[in-house]
Amino acid sequence: MLQPRIYHHPIQWPGRCLYSVVRRCYATALADVPVASDFAAPPATRTEDLGKMMRTYKPRTPGVRHLIRPINDHLWKGRAYLPLTYPRKGHGIGGRNNSGRIMVRHRGGGHKRRIRVVDFSRMEAGEHMVERIEHDPGRSAHIALLTRVDSQEKSYIVAAEGMRAGDVVQSYRKGIPEDLLKSMGGVMDPAIIAAKTAWRGNCLPLHMIPPGTPVYNIGLRPNAHGQLCRSAGTYGQLISSNDTQRQVPGETRPKSKSIYLNVKLQSGEVRKIHREACATIGVASNANYNRRQLGKAGRSRWLGIRPTVRGLAMNASDHPHGGGRGKSKGNVIPVSIWGRTPAKSGFKTRKKSNVNKAVVVPRARNQGRRRRDQAGGGR
């Protein structure tokens, strides 16, 4: 049985050798810290706390020597709720289409799975109790099993960071409930509404969310499901509400409210999104997913990922880079295995006239070098 250990000292992540800078120690029981249900802005990840979020193991075998996993002791240990799942089977597991041809290489095998039916729209109003937090093999973020208080109906949602069993979440996509209006005396005060609704895990229209609030599972259109920021640790930030009515000199009535709000994504891109689109307060759970290390090739095979062979190591009949004497691909640019597209990112196919009007500020491409060169800061 594997003996887990928890880091108690800061880790120097840029290096691969973690064992020379960290003193080894055995794992201790984690104290049960109560988590408040009220919304609070996610704290910034500090370097000194980074080591306490990951778990390593005593190297009794070579496969666990480099194994590093996030600490998720709060996850449900049993099976999923079967009525909300269906088996994953068919040719698609191996990257095949309906005629059996390989459409996506390097896929196949792996452990059998069941697809979880996740509710991304959150249209059902009323209080929902978080029954448990589960691991979903089909996505990087965790999912939460909700039970509706009045009808006892169950559903899965993408869990927010810090969400635990026993929390109560709601959806306000159909409007503000009557009891909340009565508690405010019938006055629609945006500040009071935000203080009572903008809690972690609640689903709201974008125009009800205060600016600067981190959100995930963001929709793009009214009455549509969430499409952006659904993977582990992702979130967007509402940077402007555009909700103020401005009086233009010479006009008798103010301008109408803008139907689009600006949301900044983690890539730096700012997008215009409809004000009636949905968003969930908080950050998608399992934020340390990108810091994990599988430790051995077999774990990739368990995940359904097959090996990737370099074109340079193939024969000339199998790849444009193959053949020849020594490690030489010839005087050609790197291309794919079919020889039609460049090896990285392919050709640009979008027309310059067909501009994406939803993008207010495009994301920095080419690691920001192009933007620095245009500003005169390039080398």
Protein backbone atom coordinates (compact mmCIF):
# COMPACT_ATOMS: atom_id res chain seq x y z
CA MET A 1 0.00 0.00 0.00
CA LEU A 2 1.32 3.44 -0.93
CA GLN A 3 2.46 5.62 1.92
CA PRO A 4 1.46 9.22 1.18
CA ARG A 5 3.53 12.15 2.34
CA ILE A 6 2.74 15.86 2.34
CA TYR A 7 5.21 18.65 1.71
CA HIS A 8 5.72 21.04 4.63
CA HIS A 9 8.28 23.28 2.96
CA PRO A 10 8.13 25.48 -0.14
CA ILE A 11 8.88 23.77 -3.43
CA GLN A 12 11.04 25.13 -6.22
CA TRP A 13 8.74 24.25 -9.09
CA PRO A 14 10.95 25.25 -12.04
CA GLY A 15 13.30 22.33 -11.30
CA ARG A 16 12.47 18.67 -11.73
CA CYS A 17 14.48 17.48 -8.72
CA LEU A 18 12.01 17.96 -5.88
CA TYR A 19 13.67 15.65 -3.40
CA SER A 20 16.91 17.53 -2.93
CA VAL A 21 15.23 20.68 -1.67
CA VAL A 22 12.36 19.19 0.34
CA ARG A 23 12.77 17.28 3.56
CA ARG A 24 10.84 14.01 3.42
CA CYS A 25 8.19 13.43 6.05
CA TYR A 26 5.23 11.15 6.55
CA ALA A 27 1.70 12.32 6.00
CA THR A 28 -0.37 13.52 8.92
CA ALA A 29 -4.11 13.67 9.28
CA LEU A 30 -5.59 16.84 7.88
CA ALA A 31 -7.63 18.90 10.29
CA ASP A 32 -11.27 19.44 9.35
CA VAL A 33 -11.49 23.13 8.63
CA PRO A 34 -15.06 24.45 8.33
CA VAL A 35 -15.72 26.14 5.01
CA ALA A 36 -18.14 29.03 4.94
CA SER A 37 -20.92 28.95 2.37
CA ASP A 38 -20.80 32.71 1.79
CA PHE A 39 -18.95 33.92 -1.25
CA ALA A 40 -15.42 35.13 -0.75
CA ALA A 41 -12.92 36.12 -3.41
CA PRO A 42 -10.38 33.33 -4.03
CA PRO A 43 -7.03 34.07 -2.39
CA ALA A 44 -3.93 34.28 -4.51
CA THR A 45 -1.81 31.12 -4.58
CA ARG A 46 1.30 31.67 -2.48
CA THR A 47 4.54 29.85 -3.09
CA GLU A 48 4.93 28.83 0.55
CA ASP A 49 1.49 27.17 0.50
CA LEU A 50 2.09 25.37 -2.79
CA GLY A 51 3.86 22.44 -1.20
CA LYS A 52 0.95 21.71 1.14
CA MET A 53 -1.43 21.30 -1.80
CA MET A 54 0.44 18.43 -3.47
CA ARG A 55 1.17 14.90 -2.27
CA THR A 56 4.13 12.69 -3.04
CA TYR A 57 4.80 9.06 -2.12
CA LYS A 58 7.65 7.05 -0.71
CA PRO A 59 9.45 5.51 -3.73
CA ARG A 60 8.87 1.84 -2.97
CA THR A 61 8.54 1.25 -6.73
CA PRO A 62 9.91 3.22 -9.71
CA GLY A 63 6.38 4.12 -10.78
CA VAL A 64 5.65 6.19 -7.68
CA ARG A 65 9.03 7.90 -7.36
CA HIS A 66 7.94 10.88 -9.48
CA LEU A 67 4.22 10.61 -8.77
CA ILE A 68 2.74 13.93 -7.57
CA ARG A 69 -0.98 14.44 -7.02
CA PRO A 70 -3.17 17.24 -5.66
CA ILE A 71 -4.55 16.67 -2.17
CA ASN A 72 -8.30 16.10 -2.58
CA ASP A 73 -9.25 14.23 0.56
CA HIS A 74 -12.77 15.70 0.48
CA LEU A 75 -13.81 13.75 -2.64
CA TRP A 76 -16.47 11.05 -2.53
CA LYS A 77 -14.95 7.58 -2.28
CA GLY A 78 -17.89 5.62 -3.71
CA ARG A 79 -19.47 5.23 -7.14
CA ALA A 80 -21.24 7.92 -9.10
CA TYR A 81 -25.00 8.46 -9.03
CA LEU A 82 -25.89 5.93 -11.74
CA PRO A 83 -29.18 7.48 -13.01
CA LEU A 84 -27.13 10.50 -14.14
CA THR A 85 -24.52 8.43 -16.04
CA TYR A 86 -24.32 6.31 -19.18
CA PRO A 87 -21.52 4.02 -20.43
CA ARG A 88 -18.78 5.34 -22.69
CA LYS A 89 -18.33 2.82 -25.46
CA GLY A 90 -17.94 2.56 -29.21
CA HIS A 91 -15.30 3.33 -31.83
CA GLY A 92 -14.96 6.88 -30.54
CA ILE A 93 -12.83 5.65 -27.64
CA GLY A 94 -10.06 4.81 -30.09
CA GLY A 95 -10.39 8.04 -32.05
CA ARG A 96 -12.48 6.44 -34.85
CA ASN A 97 -15.45 7.85 -36.73
CA ASN A 98 -18.63 5.99 -37.68
CA SER A 99 -16.85 4.20 -40.54
CA GLY A 100 -13.98 3.00 -38.36
CA ARG A 101 -11.29 5.32 -39.72
CA ILE A 102 -8.85 6.96 -37.32
CA MET A 103 -9.69 10.64 -37.03
CA VAL A 104 -7.60 11.41 -33.92
CA ARG A 105 -4.30 9.61 -33.41
CA HIS A 106 -2.79 8.48 -30.11
CA ARG A 107 -6.10 7.46 -28.52
CA GLY A 108 -7.27 4.05 -27.43
CA GLY A 109 -7.47 1.63 -24.54
CA GLY A 110 -7.73 2.96 -21.03
CA HIS A 111 -10.00 2.10 -18.16
CA LYS A 112 -13.71 1.86 -18.86
CA ARG A 113 -15.71 4.94 -17.91
CA ARG A 114 -19.22 6.23 -17.50
CA ILE A 115 -20.17 9.66 -18.82
CA ARG A 116 -21.62 11.99 -16.19
CA VAL A 117 -24.58 14.11 -17.31
CA VAL A 118 -23.62 17.59 -16.07
CA ASP A 119 -26.12 20.45 -15.92
CA PHE A 120 -24.38 23.45 -17.49
CA SER A 121 -27.55 25.54 -17.92
CA ARG A 122 -28.71 25.71 -14.26
CA MET A 123 -32.27 26.76 -15.18
CA GLU A 124 -33.96 25.18 -12.14
CA ALA A 125 -34.59 27.78 -9.45
CA GLY A 126 -34.79 27.14 -5.72
CA GLU A 127 -32.36 25.93 -3.08
CA HIS A 128 -30.09 22.99 -3.92
CA MET A 129 -28.09 21.14 -1.28
CA VAL A 130 -24.59 19.94 -2.16
CA GLU A 131 -24.65 16.26 -1.29
CA ARG A 132 -21.04 15.45 -2.17
CA ILE A 133 -18.06 16.41 -4.35
CA GLU A 134 -17.00 13.75 -6.86
CA HIS A 135 -14.18 13.05 -9.28
CA ASP A 136 -15.22 12.99 -12.93
CA PRO A 137 -12.90 10.96 -15.21
CA GLY A 138 -14.20 12.86 -18.23
CA ARG A 139 -13.02 16.33 -17.13
CA SER A 140 -10.29 17.96 -15.09
CA ALA A 141 -12.57 19.83 -12.68
CA HIS A 142 -14.57 18.15 -9.93
CA ILE A 143 -18.35 17.87 -10.03
CA ALA A 144 -20.91 18.33 -7.26
CA LEU A 145 -24.04 16.24 -6.77
CA LEU A 146 -26.95 18.55 -5.95
CA THR A 147 -30.30 17.64 -4.39
CA ARG A 148 -33.18 20.04 -4.82
CA VAL A 149 -34.67 20.81 -1.42
CA ASP A 150 -38.36 20.81 -2.37
CA SER A 151 -38.51 17.99 -4.96
CA GLN A 152 -35.41 15.92 -4.05
CA GLU A 153 -34.31 15.85 -7.69
CA LYS A 154 -30.61 15.29 -8.24
CA SER A 155 -28.25 16.87 -10.75
CA TYR A 156 -24.53 17.30 -11.40
CA ILE A 157 -22.80 20.67 -11.76
CA VAL A 158 -19.17 21.73 -12.12
CA ALA A 159 -18.00 22.33 -8.55
CA ALA A 160 -16.50 25.63 -7.47
CA GLU A 161 -13.18 25.83 -5.63
CA GLY A 162 -13.95 25.60 -1.91
CA MET A 163 -17.40 24.05 -2.35
CA ARG A 164 -18.07 21.26 0.15
CA ALA A 165 -20.87 18.90 1.10
CA GLY A 166 -23.63 20.69 3.01
CA ASP A 167 -23.43 23.99 1.10
CA VAL A 168 -26.61 25.45 -0.34
CA VAL A 169 -26.53 26.96 -3.85
CA GLN A 170 -29.22 28.55 -5.99
CA SER A 171 -29.88 29.65 -9.55
CA TYR A 172 -31.32 33.08 -10.29
CA ARG A 173 -31.62 32.74 -14.07
CA LYS A 174 -35.44 32.94 -13.93
CA GLY A 175 -35.39 36.12 -11.87
CA ILE A 176 -35.28 37.22 -8.25
CA PRO A 177 -37.51 35.11 -5.97
CA GLU A 178 -40.44 36.70 -4.17
CA ASP A 179 -39.08 36.14 -0.66
CA LEU A 180 -35.92 38.06 -1.53
CA LEU A 181 -37.97 40.97 -2.91
CA LYS A 182 -40.10 41.06 0.24
CA SER A 183 -37.00 41.10 2.45
CA MET A 184 -35.80 44.21 0.60
CA GLY A 185 -39.17 45.94 0.99
CA GLY A 186 -39.94 45.74 -2.72
CA VAL A 187 -37.03 48.04 -3.64
CA MET A 188 -34.61 46.78 -6.31
CA ASP A 189 -31.25 47.78 -4.83
CA PRO A 190 -28.40 46.25 -6.92
CA ALA A 191 -25.97 46.37 -3.97
CA ILE A 192 -28.31 44.43 -1.66
CA ILE A 193 -29.18 41.95 -4.41
CA ALA A 194 -25.48 41.29 -5.06
CA ALA A 195 -24.79 40.86 -1.34
CA LYS A 196 -27.55 38.24 -1.04
CA THR A 197 -27.04 36.37 -4.33
CA ALA A 198 -23.36 36.63 -5.39
CA TRP A 199 -22.17 33.66 -3.35
CA ARG A 200 -19.86 30.86 -4.38
CA GLY A 201 -21.65 28.29 -6.53
CA ASN A 202 -24.70 30.42 -7.34
CA CYS A 203 -25.69 30.86 -11.00
CA LEU A 204 -26.75 34.35 -12.04
CA PRO A 205 -27.20 36.41 -15.19
CA LEU A 206 -24.16 38.52 -15.90
CA HIS A 207 -25.95 41.82 -15.26
CA MET A 208 -26.61 40.78 -11.63
CA ILE A 209 -22.92 40.09 -10.90
CA PRO A 210 -20.79 42.91 -9.43
CA PRO A 211 -17.76 43.99 -11.51
CA GLY A 212 -14.50 42.33 -10.51
CA THR A 213 -16.15 39.08 -9.41
CA PRO A 214 -14.49 35.85 -10.62
CA VAL A 215 -16.94 33.63 -12.50
CA TYR A 216 -16.78 30.32 -14.38
CA ASN A 217 -19.12 28.23 -16.58
CA ILE A 218 -19.92 31.37 -18.58
CA GLY A 219 -22.58 31.29 -21.27
CA LEU A 220 -22.49 33.20 -24.54
CA ARG A 221 -26.20 33.72 -25.31
CA PRO A 222 -29.44 34.10 -23.33
CA ASN A 223 -31.16 30.85 -22.31
CA ALA A 224 -28.04 28.88 -23.31
CA HIS A 225 -25.74 26.69 -21.27
CA GLY A 226 -22.30 27.63 -19.99
CA GLN A 227 -19.46 27.21 -22.48
CA LEU A 228 -16.41 29.14 -21.22
CA CYS A 229 -14.13 28.47 -18.22
CA ARG A 230 -15.26 24.94 -17.38
CA SER A 231 -11.90 23.18 -16.90
CA ALA A 232 -10.00 22.98 -13.61
CA GLY A 233 -8.84 26.28 -12.11
CA THR A 234 -10.24 28.49 -14.88
CA TYR A 235 -12.30 31.64 -14.39
CA GLY A 236 -13.23 34.91 -16.03
CA GLN A 237 -13.63 38.33 -14.49
CA LEU A 238 -16.41 40.81 -15.12
CA ILE A 239 -14.53 44.06 -15.66
CA SER A 240 -17.40 46.42 -16.62
CA SER A 241 -21.12 46.34 -16.24
CA ASN A 242 -22.09 49.12 -18.72
CA ASP A 243 -25.30 49.30 -16.75
CA THR A 244 -25.47 53.02 -16.04
CA GLN A 245 -27.94 55.15 -17.92
CA ARG A 246 -26.22 58.21 -19.41
CA GLN A 247 -28.08 61.43 -20.14
CA VAL A 248 -27.00 62.86 -23.49
CA PRO A 249 -27.25 66.68 -23.78
CA GLY A 250 -30.11 67.68 -26.02
CA GLU A 251 -32.05 64.43 -25.58
CA THR A 252 -35.13 64.06 -23.43
CA ARG A 253 -34.53 60.48 -22.32
CA PRO A 254 -31.33 58.61 -21.41
CA LYS A 255 -29.61 56.04 -23.56
CA SER A 256 -30.75 52.47 -23.24
CA LYS A 257 -28.67 49.96 -21.31
CA SER A 258 -26.01 48.05 -23.18
CA ILE A 259 -26.95 44.46 -23.91
CA TYR A 260 -23.31 43.31 -23.77
CA LEU A 261 -20.86 43.19 -20.86
CA ASN A 262 -17.08 42.84 -20.95
CA VAL A 263 -15.54 39.72 -19.44
CA LYS A 264 -11.78 39.24 -19.18
CA LEU A 265 -10.48 35.69 -19.58
CA GLN A 266 -7.27 34.23 -18.17
CA SER A 267 -5.57 34.46 -21.56
CA GLY A 268 -5.90 38.25 -21.43
CA GLU A 269 -8.69 38.32 -23.99
CA VAL A 270 -11.67 40.58 -23.29
CA ARG A 271 -14.96 39.47 -24.82
CA LYS A 272 -18.39 41.01 -25.16
CA ILE A 273 -21.02 38.66 -23.72
CA HIS A 274 -24.77 39.15 -23.56
CA ARG A 275 -25.99 40.54 -20.25
CA GLU A 276 -28.61 37.77 -19.90
CA ALA A 277 -26.04 34.97 -20.31
CA CYS A 278 -25.36 32.79 -17.30
CA ALA A 279 -22.27 32.57 -15.10
CA THR A 280 -21.44 30.82 -11.83
CA ILE A 281 -19.72 32.65 -9.01
CA GLY A 282 -16.23 31.42 -8.09
CA VAL A 283 -13.38 29.49 -9.68
CA ALA A 284 -13.62 26.02 -11.21
CA SER A 285 -12.43 23.41 -8.71
CA ASN A 286 -9.21 21.36 -8.67
CA ALA A 287 -7.00 24.36 -9.39
CA ASN A 288 -3.78 22.34 -8.87
CA TYR A 289 -4.60 19.89 -11.65
CA ASN A 290 -1.92 21.30 -13.96
CA ARG A 291 0.80 20.67 -11.34
CA ARG A 292 0.30 16.92 -11.22
CA GLN A 293 2.89 14.40 -12.50
CA LEU A 294 1.75 10.97 -13.66
CA GLY A 295 5.04 9.37 -12.69
CA LYS A 296 5.10 6.62 -15.32
CA ALA A 297 3.95 5.85 -18.87
CA GLY A 298 1.39 3.32 -17.70
CA ARG A 299 -0.82 5.99 -16.18
CA SER A 300 -1.14 7.64 -19.57
CA ARG A 301 -2.32 4.32 -20.97
CA TRP A 302 -4.89 4.05 -18.17
CA LEU A 303 -6.21 7.44 -19.31
CA GLY A 304 -6.61 6.23 -22.89
CA ILE A 305 -3.54 8.05 -24.27
CA ARG A 306 -1.35 6.00 -26.61
CA PRO A 307 2.34 6.70 -27.30
CA THR A 308 3.46 9.42 -29.71
CA VAL A 309 6.32 8.49 -32.06
CA ARG A 310 8.54 11.23 -33.47
CA GLY A 311 8.55 11.56 -37.22
CA LEU A 312 12.35 11.67 -37.17
CA ALA A 313 12.39 8.13 -35.79
CA MET A 314 10.19 6.71 -38.57
CA ASN A 315 11.03 5.40 -41.99
CA ALA A 316 10.86 7.58 -45.06
CA SER A 317 7.69 5.81 -46.17
CA ASP A 318 5.91 6.62 -42.92
CA HIS A 319 6.70 10.30 -42.38
CA PRO A 320 8.21 13.24 -44.35
CA HIS A 321 10.89 13.55 -41.65
CA GLY A 322 11.78 9.85 -41.69
CA GLY A 323 14.70 8.04 -43.26
CA GLY A 324 18.21 9.30 -43.90
CA ARG A 325 21.43 8.71 -42.05
CA GLY A 326 21.59 10.03 -38.57
CA LYS A 327 19.13 12.39 -36.96
CA SER A 328 18.32 14.52 -39.98
CA LYS A 329 14.96 15.40 -41.48
CA GLY A 330 16.45 17.11 -44.53
CA ASN A 331 16.33 20.73 -45.53
CA VAL A 332 12.54 21.06 -45.12
CA ILE A 333 10.28 22.88 -42.71
CA PRO A 334 8.61 20.79 -39.99
CA VAL A 335 5.36 19.35 -41.34
CA SER A 336 2.71 16.95 -40.11
CA ILE A 337 2.65 13.24 -40.93
CA TRP A 338 0.51 13.97 -44.01
CA GLY A 339 2.93 16.64 -45.24
CA ARG A 340 0.20 19.16 -45.97
CA THR A 341 0.33 21.51 -42.96
CA PRO A 342 3.11 22.90 -40.75
CA ALA A 343 3.88 20.88 -37.68
CA LYS A 344 2.74 23.60 -35.27
CA SER A 345 -0.71 25.20 -35.38
CA GLY A 346 -1.23 24.74 -39.13
CA PHE A 347 -2.24 27.49 -41.53
CA LYS A 348 -4.36 30.50 -40.64
CA THR A 349 -7.71 29.99 -42.34
CA ARG A 350 -9.73 32.92 -40.97
CA LYS A 351 -10.28 35.75 -43.43
CA LYS A 352 -9.04 39.16 -42.39
CA SER A 353 -12.37 40.68 -43.33
CA ASN A 354 -14.25 38.25 -41.07
CA VAL A 355 -13.31 39.83 -37.75
CA ASN A 356 -14.65 38.36 -34.54
CA LYS A 357 -16.79 41.22 -33.30
CA ALA A 358 -17.21 39.68 -29.85
CA VAL A 359 -13.50 40.19 -29.05
CA VAL A 360 -12.79 43.60 -27.53
CA VAL A 361 -9.11 42.98 -26.68
CA PRO A 362 -7.46 39.98 -28.36
CA ARG A 363 -5.27 37.66 -26.37
CA ALA A 364 -1.50 37.97 -26.60
CA ARG A 365 -0.17 35.54 -29.17
CA ASN A 366 3.34 34.25 -29.72
CA GLN A 367 4.07 34.69 -25.99
CA GLY A 368 3.44 38.41 -26.32
CA ARG A 369 6.51 39.02 -28.51
CA ARG A 370 4.51 40.44 -31.38
CA ARG A 371 2.86 43.01 -29.11
CA ARG A 372 6.22 44.03 -27.63
CA ASP A 373 7.73 44.42 -31.09
CA GLN A 374 4.90 46.66 -32.19
CA ALA A 375 5.41 48.81 -29.08
CA GLY A 376 9.13 49.15 -29.86
CA GLY A 377 10.32 46.94 -27.02
CA GLY A 378 11.60 44.07 -29.17
CA ARG A 379 15.20 43.10 -29.50
